[in-house]
Amino acid sequence: MYSIFVWLLEIIQAIVLIPGIIFVPREKALKDGTVTCVVTIEVFFMVMRIQAHRKLMNQLIRRLNDILCVADETMKNIVTTTLKPMGDPLKFYLLVGWLSVFIWCCLPFLLISEKVAFLYEDYRTPAIFSKQPFSIDVFLVGSVLLLLSNVYIFLKKVGVDIYMIHLVLLITAQYRYISTKLAIIFRDGNPQSEFDDSCQEYQLKDQWVRKEMEALCRHHSSVIQ
């Protein structure tokens, strides 16, 4: 039901937006219509790209989930330090952006107390729902539909942006983990760091280094596959 409502809302917006850009004054079309079109097209292509490679995306997400399920303390610390700094900026982006879009789309409602007949350019974004001039009822319905559509498009854009940012950061965390583990192996596995190592201790350390390197190679292979 939700998907049907969303698709219906976006189809209505596309139907009213195209003639709106054609028939409203050029300045209005360039100033408000361009922003709406660019954001809508950007979201459309981003979602289509994700859907086109949905199988690969699912494989990558499952692989990352498997890695994180058996993560050691080093991995947990690296993932936390990689993702945590982005938490507040993304929340700020969501809240401030949503509030800005909402207020921007609500500005036309101020005209209700000033006018009884409305024109195409009175909408926040270029749109045609009825032949101008039209009544306050048509104006209210059209403005509410444009408000819902624009807010949804922005939230969709934020959702896709956050999704991709988290995915990239999780992959980045894997390479940070590999570099950190390599540094630990070279530091703790260096036999020259202690001159009094016995032969048996040297062999045990060598076995530990080999075991850690093999595990690290398997981890790297699982990330890049």
C-alpha atoms as a PDB file:
ATOM      1  CA  MET A   1       0.000   0.000   0.000  1.00  0.00           C
ATOM      2  CA  TYR A   2       2.831   2.379   0.894  1.00  0.00           C
ATOM      3  CA  SER A   3       4.660   1.659  -2.370  1.00  0.00           C
ATOM      4  CA  ILE A   4       1.483   2.276  -4.375  1.00  0.00           C
ATOM      5  CA  PHE A   5       0.938   5.603  -2.619  1.00  0.00           C
ATOM      6  CA  VAL A   6       4.541   6.691  -3.194  1.00  0.00           C
ATOM      7  CA  TRP A   7       4.559   5.732  -6.870  1.00  0.00           C
ATOM      8  CA  LEU A   8       1.187   7.431  -7.384  1.00  0.00           C
ATOM      9  CA  LEU A   9       2.512  10.571  -5.709  1.00  0.00           C
ATOM     10  CA  GLU A  10       5.630  10.649  -7.881  1.00  0.00           C
ATOM     11  CA  ILE A  11       3.666   9.985 -11.074  1.00  0.00           C
ATOM     12  CA  ILE A  12       1.322  12.872 -10.245  1.00  0.00           C
ATOM     13  CA  GLN A  13       4.285  15.146  -9.602  1.00  0.00           C
ATOM     14  CA  ALA A  14       5.878  14.227 -12.938  1.00  0.00           C
ATOM     15  CA  ILE A  15       2.591  14.787 -14.784  1.00  0.00           C
ATOM     16  CA  VAL A  16       2.013  18.253 -13.308  1.00  0.00           C
ATOM     17  CA  LEU A  17       5.681  19.305 -13.259  1.00  0.00           C
ATOM     18  CA  ILE A  18       6.448  18.916 -16.977  1.00  0.00           C
ATOM     19  CA  PRO A  19       3.655  21.197 -18.267  1.00  0.00           C
ATOM     20  CA  GLY A  20       4.258  23.474 -15.294  1.00  0.00           C
ATOM     21  CA  ILE A  21       7.837  24.116 -16.410  1.00  0.00           C
ATOM     22  CA  ILE A  22       6.562  24.869 -19.919  1.00  0.00           C
ATOM     23  CA  PHE A  23       3.749  27.279 -19.042  1.00  0.00           C
ATOM     24  CA  VAL A  24       5.006  29.167 -15.985  1.00  0.00           C
ATOM     25  CA  PRO A  25       7.261  32.219 -16.464  1.00  0.00           C
ATOM     26  CA  ARG A  26      10.811  31.295 -17.423  1.00  0.00           C
ATOM     27  CA  GLU A  27      12.328  32.827 -14.284  1.00  0.00           C
ATOM     28  CA  LYS A  28      10.048  30.741 -12.060  1.00  0.00           C
ATOM     29  CA  ALA A  29      10.795  27.580 -14.051  1.00  0.00           C
ATOM     30  CA  LEU A  30      14.556  28.108 -13.856  1.00  0.00           C
ATOM     31  CA  LYS A  31      14.620  29.088 -10.186  1.00  0.00           C
ATOM     32  CA  ASP A  32      12.275  26.514  -8.658  1.00  0.00           C
ATOM     33  CA  GLY A  33      11.683  23.923 -11.362  1.00  0.00           C
ATOM     34  CA  THR A  34      15.365  23.256 -12.026  1.00  0.00           C
ATOM     35  CA  VAL A  35      16.055  22.403  -8.381  1.00  0.00           C
ATOM     36  CA  THR A  36      13.163  19.954  -8.221  1.00  0.00           C
ATOM     37  CA  CYS A  37      14.083  18.322 -11.533  1.00  0.00           C
ATOM     38  CA  VAL A  38      17.775  17.946 -10.679  1.00  0.00           C
ATOM     39  CA  VAL A  39      17.113  16.396  -7.257  1.00  0.00           C
ATOM     40  CA  THR A  40      14.433  14.064  -8.663  1.00  0.00           C
ATOM     41  CA  ILE A  41      16.658  12.914 -11.540  1.00  0.00           C
ATOM     42  CA  GLU A  42      19.604  12.429  -9.178  1.00  0.00           C
ATOM     43  CA  VAL A  43      17.548  10.253  -6.828  1.00  0.00           C
ATOM     44  CA  PHE A  44      16.082   8.304  -9.747  1.00  0.00           C
ATOM     45  CA  PHE A  45      19.476   7.430 -11.229  1.00  0.00           C
ATOM     46  CA  MET A  46      21.005   6.584  -7.837  1.00  0.00           C
ATOM     47  CA  VAL A  47      18.154   4.220  -6.993  1.00  0.00           C
ATOM     48  CA  MET A  48      18.226   2.686 -10.477  1.00  0.00           C
ATOM     49  CA  ARG A  49      21.977   2.059 -10.198  1.00  0.00           C
ATOM     50  CA  ILE A  50      21.485   0.316  -6.858  1.00  0.00           C
ATOM     51  CA  GLN A  51      18.597  -1.760  -8.198  1.00  0.00           C
ATOM     52  CA  ALA A  52      20.543  -2.678 -11.345  1.00  0.00           C
ATOM     53  CA  HIS A  53      23.332  -4.146  -9.182  1.00  0.00           C
ATOM     54  CA  ARG A  54      21.058  -5.407  -6.441  1.00  0.00           C
ATOM     55  CA  LYS A  55      22.531  -8.921  -6.460  1.00  0.00           C
ATOM     56  CA  LEU A  56      26.092  -7.649  -6.024  1.00  0.00           C
ATOM     57  CA  MET A  57      24.980  -5.214  -3.330  1.00  0.00           C
ATOM     58  CA  ASN A  58      23.250  -7.998  -1.408  1.00  0.00           C
ATOM     59  CA  GLN A  59      26.361 -10.174  -1.666  1.00  0.00           C
ATOM     60  CA  LEU A  60      28.554  -7.361  -0.368  1.00  0.00           C
ATOM     61  CA  ILE A  61      26.195  -6.605   2.516  1.00  0.00           C
ATOM     62  CA  ARG A  62      25.976 -10.284   3.493  1.00  0.00           C
ATOM     63  CA  ARG A  63      29.769 -10.559   3.389  1.00  0.00           C
ATOM     64  CA  LEU A  64      30.187  -7.488   5.572  1.00  0.00           C
ATOM     65  CA  ASN A  65      27.568  -8.824   7.998  1.00  0.00           C
ATOM     66  CA  ASP A  66      29.420 -12.142   8.213  1.00  0.00           C
ATOM     67  CA  ILE A  67      32.688 -10.326   8.897  1.00  0.00           C
ATOM     68  CA  LEU A  68      31.155  -8.133  11.589  1.00  0.00           C
ATOM     69  CA  CYS A  69      29.437 -11.089  13.284  1.00  0.00           C
ATOM     70  CA  VAL A  70      32.827 -12.663  14.098  1.00  0.00           C
ATOM     71  CA  ALA A  71      34.699  -9.389  14.577  1.00  0.00           C
ATOM     72  CA  ASP A  72      37.392  -9.129  17.233  1.00  0.00           C
ATOM     73  CA  GLU A  73      37.901  -6.114  19.487  1.00  0.00           C
ATOM     74  CA  THR A  74      40.240  -4.468  16.996  1.00  0.00           C
ATOM     75  CA  MET A  75      37.608  -4.681  14.270  1.00  0.00           C
ATOM     76  CA  LYS A  76      34.863  -3.382  16.579  1.00  0.00           C
ATOM     77  CA  ASN A  77      36.982  -0.415  17.654  1.00  0.00           C
ATOM     78  CA  ILE A  78      37.932   0.474  14.075  1.00  0.00           C
ATOM     79  CA  VAL A  79      34.338   0.228  12.807  1.00  0.00           C
ATOM     80  CA  THR A  80      33.132   2.373  15.708  1.00  0.00           C
ATOM     81  CA  THR A  81      35.806   5.038  15.217  1.00  0.00           C
ATOM     82  CA  THR A  82      35.133   5.072  11.467  1.00  0.00           C
ATOM     83  CA  LEU A  83      31.345   5.383  11.633  1.00  0.00           C
ATOM     84  CA  LYS A  84      30.855   7.450  14.790  1.00  0.00           C
ATOM     85  CA  PRO A  85      32.277  10.769  13.457  1.00  0.00           C
ATOM     86  CA  MET A  86      29.687  10.727  10.658  1.00  0.00           C
ATOM     87  CA  GLY A  87      26.711  10.245  12.982  1.00  0.00           C
ATOM     88  CA  ASP A  88      26.140  13.861  14.009  1.00  0.00           C
ATOM     89  CA  PRO A  89      26.794  15.412  10.554  1.00  0.00           C
ATOM     90  CA  LEU A  90      24.329  13.006   8.939  1.00  0.00           C
ATOM     91  CA  LYS A  91      21.693  13.741  11.587  1.00  0.00           C
ATOM     92  CA  PHE A  92      22.246  17.459  11.022  1.00  0.00           C
ATOM     93  CA  TYR A  93      21.946  16.934   7.262  1.00  0.00           C
ATOM     94  CA  LEU A  94      18.673  15.049   7.730  1.00  0.00           C
ATOM     95  CA  LEU A  95      17.011  17.376  10.248  1.00  0.00           C
ATOM     96  CA  VAL A  96      18.096  20.723   8.793  1.00  0.00           C
ATOM     97  CA  GLY A  97      17.508  19.596   5.218  1.00  0.00           C
ATOM     98  CA  TRP A  98      14.071  18.186   5.987  1.00  0.00           C
ATOM     99  CA  LEU A  99      13.069  21.320   7.901  1.00  0.00           C
ATOM    100  CA  SER A 100      14.332  23.574   5.091  1.00  0.00           C
ATOM    101  CA  VAL A 101      12.415  21.669   2.418  1.00  0.00           C
ATOM    102  CA  PHE A 102       9.278  21.621   4.571  1.00  0.00           C
ATOM    103  CA  ILE A 103       9.372  25.373   5.235  1.00  0.00           C
ATOM    104  CA  TRP A 104      10.235  26.111   1.597  1.00  0.00           C
ATOM    105  CA  CYS A 105       7.228  24.087   0.408  1.00  0.00           C
ATOM    106  CA  CYS A 106       4.898  25.642   3.010  1.00  0.00           C
ATOM    107  CA  LEU A 107       5.542  29.253   1.970  1.00  0.00           C
ATOM    108  CA  PRO A 108       2.724  29.277  -0.642  1.00  0.00           C
ATOM    109  CA  PHE A 109       0.167  28.648   2.115  1.00  0.00           C
ATOM    110  CA  LEU A 110       0.756  32.237   3.250  1.00  0.00           C
ATOM    111  CA  LEU A 111      -1.009  33.392   0.086  1.00  0.00           C
ATOM    112  CA  ILE A 112      -4.315  31.921   1.257  1.00  0.00           C
ATOM    113  CA  SER A 113      -5.082  34.980   3.380  1.00  0.00           C
ATOM    114  CA  GLU A 114      -4.161  37.357   0.558  1.00  0.00           C
ATOM    115  CA  LYS A 115      -5.832  35.928  -2.549  1.00  0.00           C
ATOM    116  CA  VAL A 116      -9.024  34.194  -3.640  1.00  0.00           C
ATOM    117  CA  ALA A 117      -7.852  33.214  -7.125  1.00  0.00           C
ATOM    118  CA  PHE A 118      -4.500  31.643  -7.864  1.00  0.00           C
ATOM    119  CA  LEU A 119      -2.115  31.241 -10.800  1.00  0.00           C
ATOM    120  CA  TYR A 120       0.399  28.555 -11.788  1.00  0.00           C
ATOM    121  CA  GLU A 121       3.354  30.510 -10.379  1.00  0.00           C
ATOM    122  CA  ASP A 122       1.729  30.626  -6.929  1.00  0.00           C
ATOM    123  CA  TYR A 123       2.775  27.010  -6.361  1.00  0.00           C
ATOM    124  CA  ARG A 124       6.165  26.502  -4.771  1.00  0.00           C
ATOM    125  CA  THR A 125       7.335  24.417  -7.720  1.00  0.00           C
ATOM    126  CA  PRO A 126       6.037  24.777 -11.292  1.00  0.00           C
ATOM    127  CA  ALA A 127       2.882  22.674 -11.590  1.00  0.00           C
ATOM    128  CA  ILE A 128      -0.454  22.618 -13.376  1.00  0.00           C
ATOM    129  CA  PHE A 129      -3.431  20.958 -11.689  1.00  0.00           C
ATOM    130  CA  SER A 130      -6.178  23.055 -13.285  1.00  0.00           C
ATOM    131  CA  LYS A 131      -6.625  25.885 -15.738  1.00  0.00           C
ATOM    132  CA  GLN A 132      -5.718  29.236 -14.202  1.00  0.00           C
ATOM    133  CA  PRO A 133      -7.078  31.126 -12.386  1.00  0.00           C
ATOM    134  CA  PHE A 134      -8.219  28.423  -9.971  1.00  0.00           C
ATOM    135  CA  SER A 135      -9.892  28.346  -6.571  1.00  0.00           C
ATOM    136  CA  ILE A 136      -8.402  28.036  -3.128  1.00  0.00           C
ATOM    137  CA  ASP A 137      -9.481  24.376  -2.909  1.00  0.00           C
ATOM    138  CA  VAL A 138      -7.470  23.432  -6.003  1.00  0.00           C
ATOM    139  CA  PHE A 139      -4.544  25.461  -4.709  1.00  0.00           C
ATOM    140  CA  LEU A 140      -4.607  23.712  -1.320  1.00  0.00           C
ATOM    141  CA  VAL A 141      -4.805  20.213  -2.801  1.00  0.00           C
ATOM    142  CA  GLY A 142      -2.010  20.950  -5.254  1.00  0.00           C
ATOM    143  CA  SER A 143       0.223  22.533  -2.618  1.00  0.00           C
ATOM    144  CA  VAL A 144      -0.243  19.590  -0.236  1.00  0.00           C
ATOM    145  CA  LEU A 145       0.609  17.095  -2.989  1.00  0.00           C
ATOM    146  CA  LEU A 146       3.716  19.076  -3.937  1.00  0.00           C
ATOM    147  CA  LEU A 147       4.697  19.330  -0.270  1.00  0.00           C
ATOM    148  CA  LEU A 148       4.426  15.570   0.261  1.00  0.00           C
ATOM    149  CA  SER A 149       6.217  14.793  -2.981  1.00  0.00           C
ATOM    150  CA  ASN A 150       9.130  17.181  -2.396  1.00  0.00           C
ATOM    151  CA  VAL A 151       9.607  16.061   1.208  1.00  0.00           C
ATOM    152  CA  TYR A 152       9.545  12.418   0.123  1.00  0.00           C
ATOM    153  CA  ILE A 153      12.083  13.041  -2.656  1.00  0.00           C
ATOM    154  CA  PHE A 154      14.419  14.768  -0.217  1.00  0.00           C
ATOM    155  CA  LEU A 155      14.077  12.006   2.390  1.00  0.00           C
ATOM    156  CA  LYS A 156      14.706   9.440  -0.339  1.00  0.00           C
ATOM    157  CA  LYS A 157      17.854  11.309  -1.346  1.00  0.00           C
ATOM    158  CA  VAL A 158      19.026  11.457   2.270  1.00  0.00           C
ATOM    159  CA  GLY A 159      18.323   7.743   2.683  1.00  0.00           C
ATOM    160  CA  VAL A 160      20.342   6.819  -0.406  1.00  0.00           C
ATOM    161  CA  ASP A 161      23.185   9.149   0.611  1.00  0.00           C
ATOM    162  CA  ILE A 162      23.371   7.694   4.121  1.00  0.00           C
ATOM    163  CA  TYR A 163      23.160   4.157   2.746  1.00  0.00           C
ATOM    164  CA  MET A 164      26.085   4.703   0.367  1.00  0.00           C
ATOM    165  CA  ILE A 165      28.156   6.611   2.942  1.00  0.00           C
ATOM    166  CA  HIS A 166      27.788   3.812   5.498  1.00  0.00           C
ATOM    167  CA  LEU A 167      28.640   1.190   2.898  1.00  0.00           C
ATOM    168  CA  VAL A 168      31.799   3.036   1.842  1.00  0.00           C
ATOM    169  CA  LEU A 169      32.797   3.609   5.474  1.00  0.00           C
ATOM    170  CA  LEU A 170      32.336  -0.077   6.318  1.00  0.00           C
ATOM    171  CA  ILE A 171      34.582  -1.045   3.402  1.00  0.00           C
ATOM    172  CA  THR A 172      37.090   1.610   4.471  1.00  0.00           C
ATOM    173  CA  ALA A 173      37.043   0.140   7.978  1.00  0.00           C
ATOM    174  CA  GLN A 174      38.051  -3.240   6.564  1.00  0.00           C
ATOM    175  CA  TYR A 175      41.182  -1.785   4.974  1.00  0.00           C
ATOM    176  CA  ARG A 176      41.969   0.143   8.140  1.00  0.00           C
ATOM    177  CA  TYR A 177      41.633  -3.134  10.018  1.00  0.00           C
ATOM    178  CA  ILE A 178      44.035  -4.866   7.620  1.00  0.00           C
ATOM    179  CA  SER A 179      46.639  -2.100   7.952  1.00  0.00           C
ATOM    180  CA  THR A 180      46.292  -2.098  11.749  1.00  0.00           C
ATOM    181  CA  LYS A 181      46.675  -5.871  11.983  1.00  0.00           C
ATOM    182  CA  LEU A 182      49.726  -5.761   9.701  1.00  0.00           C
ATOM    183  CA  ALA A 183      51.318  -3.168  11.965  1.00  0.00           C
ATOM    184  CA  ILE A 184      50.607  -5.353  15.015  1.00  0.00           C
ATOM    185  CA  ILE A 185      52.042  -8.443  13.318  1.00  0.00           C
ATOM    186  CA  PHE A 186      55.236  -6.667  12.261  1.00  0.00           C
ATOM    187  CA  ARG A 187      55.602  -5.132  15.717  1.00  0.00           C
ATOM    188  CA  ASP A 188      54.923  -8.216  17.839  1.00  0.00           C
ATOM    189  CA  GLY A 189      56.366 -10.741  15.421  1.00  0.00           C
ATOM    190  CA  ASN A 190      59.755  -9.094  14.927  1.00  0.00           C
ATOM    191  CA  PRO A 191      62.343 -11.510  16.376  1.00  0.00           C
ATOM    192  CA  GLN A 192      64.978  -8.775  16.497  1.00  0.00           C
ATOM    193  CA  SER A 193      63.003  -6.873  19.124  1.00  0.00           C
ATOM    194  CA  GLU A 194      64.306  -9.277  21.768  1.00  0.00           C
ATOM    195  CA  PHE A 195      67.862 -10.567  21.446  1.00  0.00           C
ATOM    196  CA  ASP A 196      67.492 -13.284  24.069  1.00  0.00           C
ATOM    197  CA  ASP A 197      64.715 -15.197  22.314  1.00  0.00           C
ATOM    198  CA  SER A 198      65.302 -18.923  22.398  1.00  0.00           C
ATOM    199  CA  CYS A 199      64.947 -21.063  19.306  1.00  0.00           C
ATOM    200  CA  GLN A 200      61.660 -22.493  20.577  1.00  0.00           C
ATOM    201  CA  GLU A 201      60.252 -19.043  21.273  1.00  0.00           C
ATOM    202  CA  TYR A 202      61.348 -17.934  17.826  1.00  0.00           C
ATOM    203  CA  GLN A 203      59.531 -20.892  16.232  1.00  0.00           C
ATOM    204  CA  LEU A 204      56.369 -20.193  18.219  1.00  0.00           C
ATOM    205  CA  LYS A 205      56.492 -16.566  17.199  1.00  0.00           C
ATOM    206  CA  ASP A 206      57.076 -17.533  13.584  1.00  0.00           C
ATOM    207  CA  GLN A 207      54.057 -19.864  13.684  1.00  0.00           C
ATOM    208  CA  TRP A 208      51.960 -17.085  15.214  1.00  0.00           C
ATOM    209  CA  VAL A 209      53.019 -14.662  12.472  1.00  0.00           C
ATOM    210  CA  ARG A 210      52.222 -17.213   9.767  1.00  0.00           C
ATOM    211  CA  LYS A 211      48.815 -17.944  11.299  1.00  0.00           C
ATOM    212  CA  GLU A 212      47.941 -14.249  11.612  1.00  0.00           C
ATOM    213  CA  MET A 213      49.073 -13.496   8.059  1.00  0.00           C
ATOM    214  CA  GLU A 214      46.999 -16.368   6.666  1.00  0.00           C
ATOM    215  CA  ALA A 215      43.929 -15.127   8.561  1.00  0.00           C
ATOM    216  CA  LEU A 216      44.569 -11.596   7.305  1.00  0.00           C
ATOM    217  CA  CYS A 217      44.903 -12.808   3.710  1.00  0.00           C
ATOM    218  CA  ARG A 218      41.612 -14.680   4.002  1.00  0.00           C
ATOM    219  CA  HIS A 219      39.985 -11.550   5.398  1.00  0.00           C
ATOM    220  CA  HIS A 220      41.354  -9.445   2.536  1.00  0.00           C
ATOM    221  CA  SER A 221      40.133 -11.982  -0.019  1.00  0.00           C
ATOM    222  CA  SER A 222      36.637 -11.986   1.465  1.00  0.00           C
ATOM    223  CA  VAL A 223      36.522  -8.179   1.268  1.00  0.00           C
ATOM    224  CA  ILE A 224      37.668  -7.790  -2.356  1.00  0.00           C
ATOM    225  CA  GLN A 225      35.742 -10.722  -3.861  1.00  0.00           C
END
